[in-house]
Protein backbone atom coordinates (compact mmCIF):
# COMPACT_ATOMS: atom_id res chain seq x y z
CA MET A 1 0.00 0.00 0.00
CA GLY A 2 1.41 3.40 -0.96
CA ARG A 3 1.83 6.16 1.55
CA ARG A 4 0.63 9.71 1.05
CA ARG A 5 1.71 12.99 2.62
CA LEU A 6 -1.40 14.60 4.14
CA CYS A 7 -1.78 18.20 5.18
CA PHE A 8 -4.13 20.83 6.53
CA GLY A 9 -3.00 24.43 6.74
CA GLY A 10 0.71 23.59 6.79
CA TYR A 11 0.52 20.53 9.04
CA HIS A 12 1.59 17.22 7.52
CA PHE A 13 0.84 13.65 8.51
CA GLU A 14 2.75 10.73 7.03
CA GLY A 15 0.60 7.61 6.95
CA SER A 16 -1.30 5.02 5.01
CA ARG A 17 -4.63 6.10 3.54
CA LYS A 18 -6.07 2.93 5.10
CA MET A 19 -4.79 3.61 8.63
CA SER A 20 -7.35 3.12 11.37
CA TRP A 21 -8.45 5.80 13.79
CA ARG A 22 -11.26 6.51 16.25
CA LEU A 23 -12.51 9.55 18.15
CA GLU A 24 -15.19 9.72 20.84
CA GLY A 25 -16.36 12.76 22.74
CA THR A 26 -18.87 15.60 22.68
CA TYR A 27 -19.53 18.34 20.17
CA PHE A 28 -21.65 21.45 19.79
CA GLU A 29 -22.19 24.04 17.10
CA ASN A 30 -23.68 27.48 16.66
CA CYS A 31 -24.82 28.95 13.35
CA ASN A 32 -26.78 32.02 12.29
CA CYS A 33 -30.04 30.19 11.52
CA ASP A 34 -32.91 31.12 13.83
CA MET A 35 -33.50 27.65 15.32
CA VAL A 36 -33.29 24.02 14.13
CA CYS A 37 -31.09 24.78 11.14
CA PRO A 38 -32.64 23.62 7.81
CA CYS A 39 -29.18 22.81 6.42
CA ALA A 40 -28.59 20.03 8.94
CA THR A 41 -32.15 18.70 8.90
CA SER A 42 -32.26 18.52 5.07
CA GLY A 43 -28.85 16.98 4.45
CA LEU A 44 -27.61 20.33 3.04
CA THR A 45 -30.34 20.42 0.36
CA VAL A 46 -32.41 23.34 1.76
CA PRO A 47 -30.98 26.88 2.05
CA ALA A 48 -30.09 28.39 5.39
CA ASP A 49 -32.19 31.17 6.93
CA ASN A 50 -29.73 33.83 5.71
CA ASP A 51 -27.73 34.66 2.59
CA ARG A 52 -24.63 33.05 4.15
CA CYS A 53 -24.29 30.21 6.63
CA GLN A 54 -21.81 31.16 9.34
CA VAL A 55 -21.06 28.27 11.66
CA ALA A 56 -18.53 27.05 14.20
CA LEU A 57 -18.38 23.44 15.43
CA ALA A 58 -16.38 22.56 18.53
CA PHE A 59 -15.32 18.94 19.17
CA HIS A 60 -13.87 17.77 22.47
CA VAL A 61 -12.19 14.38 22.19
CA ASP A 62 -12.60 12.35 25.39
CA THR A 63 -10.77 9.33 23.98
CA GLY A 64 -9.10 8.89 20.63
CA ASP A 65 -6.29 7.25 18.71
CA VAL A 66 -4.99 8.10 15.23
CA ASN A 67 -2.53 5.51 13.96
CA GLY A 68 -1.13 5.02 17.45
CA VAL A 69 -1.20 8.70 18.44
CA ASP A 70 -3.30 9.29 21.57
CA VAL A 71 -5.42 12.42 21.04
CA GLY A 72 -7.70 12.15 24.09
CA GLY A 73 -8.42 15.31 26.08
CA LEU A 74 -7.97 17.70 23.15
CA THR A 75 -10.40 20.12 21.49
CA VAL A 76 -10.75 21.08 17.83
CA CYS A 77 -12.99 23.75 16.29
CA VAL A 78 -14.09 23.95 12.65
CA VAL A 79 -15.15 27.42 11.45
CA ALA A 80 -16.95 27.86 8.13
CA ASP A 81 -18.61 30.55 6.01
CA THR A 82 -20.68 29.07 3.19
CA PRO A 83 -23.37 29.99 0.66
CA ALA A 84 -26.94 29.59 1.90
CA LEU A 85 -27.28 26.31 -0.01
CA MET A 86 -24.44 24.44 1.64
CA GLY A 87 -24.75 21.43 -0.65
CA GLY A 88 -23.66 23.58 -3.58
CA GLY A 89 -20.11 23.93 -2.25
CA GLY A 90 -17.96 27.04 -2.12
CA TRP A 91 -17.24 26.77 1.61
CA LYS A 92 -14.48 28.74 3.33
CA VAL A 93 -13.18 26.58 6.19
CA GLY A 94 -10.58 27.03 8.90
CA LEU A 95 -9.43 24.73 11.69
CA LEU A 96 -8.53 25.77 15.22
CA MET A 97 -6.30 23.34 17.09
CA ASP A 98 -5.86 23.00 20.85
CA ALA A 99 -2.55 24.54 21.91
CA ALA A 100 -2.21 21.65 24.36
CA ALA A 101 -1.68 19.29 21.41
CA SER A 102 1.85 18.16 20.66
CA ALA A 103 3.12 18.44 17.09
CA GLY A 104 2.24 14.80 16.47
CA GLN A 105 -1.23 15.16 17.95
CA ALA A 106 -1.90 18.30 15.90
CA GLU A 107 -0.79 16.56 12.73
CA ALA A 108 -3.02 13.57 13.44
CA LEU A 109 -6.12 15.60 14.30
CA GLY A 110 -5.48 17.97 11.39
CA ALA A 111 -5.53 15.02 9.00
CA VAL A 112 -8.77 13.65 10.49
CA PHE A 113 -10.60 16.98 10.51
CA GLY A 114 -9.19 17.89 7.11
CA GLY A 115 -10.86 14.75 5.74
CA GLN A 116 -7.66 13.16 4.42
CA LEU A 117 -8.03 10.05 6.59
CA GLY A 118 -11.60 9.20 5.65
CA GLY A 119 -14.56 9.37 7.97
CA PRO A 120 -17.26 12.05 8.21
CA MET A 121 -15.05 15.00 7.27
CA GLU A 122 -13.96 13.33 4.02
CA ASN A 123 -17.57 13.53 2.84
CA LEU A 124 -17.45 17.33 3.11
CA ALA A 125 -14.13 17.81 1.31
CA ALA A 126 -15.70 18.30 -2.12
CA LEU A 127 -17.75 21.23 -0.77
CA ILE A 128 -14.73 23.24 0.38
CA GLY A 129 -13.67 26.00 -1.98
CA GLU A 130 -11.14 27.74 0.27
CA MET A 131 -9.07 26.20 3.06
CA ALA A 132 -8.24 29.12 5.33
CA GLY A 133 -5.65 27.16 7.31
CA MET A 134 -5.08 25.93 10.83
CA GLU A 135 -4.10 27.86 13.95
CA SER A 136 -3.08 26.63 17.38
CA LEU A 137 -4.71 28.47 20.29
CA GLU A 138 -5.43 27.99 23.98
CA MET A 139 -8.84 26.35 24.45
CA ALA A 140 -11.22 25.89 27.36
CA TYR A 141 -14.14 23.51 26.74
CA ALA A 142 -16.97 22.89 29.22
CA ASN A 143 -19.99 20.60 29.00
CA ASP A 144 -22.45 19.71 31.77
CA GLY A 145 -24.79 17.71 29.54
CA ARG A 146 -27.15 20.57 28.70
CA ARG A 147 -24.91 23.63 28.61
CA HIS A 148 -21.81 23.75 26.42
CA ARG A 149 -19.09 26.38 26.12
CA VAL A 150 -15.76 26.88 24.44
CA ARG A 151 -13.32 29.79 24.60
CA ILE A 152 -10.53 29.79 22.05
CA GLY A 153 -8.06 32.60 22.55
CA SER A 154 -9.59 35.78 21.15
CA ALA A 155 -10.93 33.87 18.12
CA VAL A 156 -14.06 32.11 19.43
CA ASP A 157 -16.36 32.46 22.41
CA MET A 158 -19.44 30.23 22.16
CA ALA A 159 -21.92 29.22 24.85
CA VAL A 160 -25.12 27.32 24.08
CA GLU A 161 -27.88 25.56 25.98
CA ASP A 162 -30.04 22.68 24.76
CA PHE A 163 -33.70 23.68 24.53
CA VAL A 164 -36.33 22.16 26.81
CA SER A 165 -39.91 22.88 25.79
CA PRO A 166 -42.08 24.29 28.60
CA MET A 167 -44.65 21.68 27.50
CA ASP A 168 -42.19 18.79 27.89
CA ARG A 169 -42.78 17.21 31.30
CA THR A 170 -39.91 14.78 30.75
CA GLU A 171 -37.44 17.69 30.49
CA LEU A 172 -35.39 15.58 28.09
CA GLY A 173 -35.15 18.40 25.59
CA VAL A 174 -35.80 18.69 21.88
CA LYS A 175 -33.91 16.12 19.79
CA VAL A 176 -33.65 15.84 16.01
CA SER A 177 -32.88 12.38 14.63
CA GLY A 178 -31.76 11.04 11.27
CA ILE A 179 -29.16 13.79 10.76
CA GLY A 180 -26.06 11.69 10.07
CA PHE A 181 -23.40 14.39 10.57
CA PRO A 182 -21.74 14.84 12.96
CA ALA A 183 -24.02 12.40 14.81
CA ASP A 184 -27.37 10.82 14.06
CA THR A 185 -29.33 12.54 16.85
CA LEU A 186 -28.69 16.17 17.83
CA ALA A 187 -30.06 18.20 20.72
CA ALA A 188 -31.48 21.52 19.50
CA GLY A 189 -30.84 24.72 21.39
CA THR A 190 -29.82 28.36 21.26
CA ALA A 191 -26.65 30.32 21.92
CA SER A 192 -26.18 32.93 24.62
CA THR A 193 -22.76 33.77 23.14
CA GLY A 194 -21.67 33.11 19.59
CA ARG A 195 -18.69 35.30 18.73
CA VAL A 196 -16.15 34.34 16.05
CA ASP A 197 -13.26 36.46 14.73
CA VAL A 198 -10.62 34.41 12.91
CA PHE A 199 -9.40 33.60 9.37
CA GLY A 200 -11.11 36.76 8.11
CA MET A 201 -14.47 35.44 9.31
CA THR A 202 -16.25 37.61 11.85
CA TRP A 203 -19.75 37.27 13.31
CA ASP A 204 -21.85 37.19 16.45
CA ASN A 205 -24.54 34.49 16.46
CA ALA A 206 -25.87 35.05 19.98
CA GLY A 207 -29.53 34.05 20.20
CA LYS A 208 -29.25 31.81 17.15
CA ASN A 209 -29.37 28.07 16.52
CA SER A 210 -27.25 25.46 18.25
CA PHE A 211 -26.91 21.69 18.12
CA SER A 212 -25.03 19.37 20.46
CA ALA A 213 -24.40 15.64 20.77
CA PRO A 214 -21.98 12.93 21.78
CA PHE A 215 -20.04 11.80 18.72
CA ALA A 216 -18.15 8.64 17.82
CA TRP A 217 -16.13 8.63 14.58
CA SER A 218 -13.84 6.01 13.13
CA ALA A 219 -12.36 4.93 9.83
């Protein structure tokens, strides 16, 4: 089997295209749709609520291994600005890497989240028109099951809470199933803070849509 040099924003990962990897943890996102984003619920076939979709997705890896590299305990954030119809492509995407990651860990996670090692991110690669790069920043990620927050240097400050209907006596919250990416079932919510300023992408999505879920990826 041949070996390929893989990269994302200047990071390189030497490895077989068929190498095995797995990541498990929690994720949340915040976009500028009003609530329950039509992009996610339609498989990217229905336009967003606005002319552009501006979204940040934060992934905290509880346990993970990429070709023998332990990546547990690290956080990664994907930031994207796309046309309203996300399935049409033309995305601008940047990757923020946890400064706590070693060079080897950053290379491994960069290859996974860049889509070069297969898995869910590979399916999005054809939609990316501009790869803005990857930056390493200090990150603080918090998750209590219903409230989720990440602070990433001066680049990202997002805090969201899963929505519980006042008519829901179970208090389990609103869930949307059959999504597929980044997990099959997502908890819907809203953001109290949704500020992004990095890679030439700047917005504030406070009060707008959020999703959260445990995720388990492998390839």
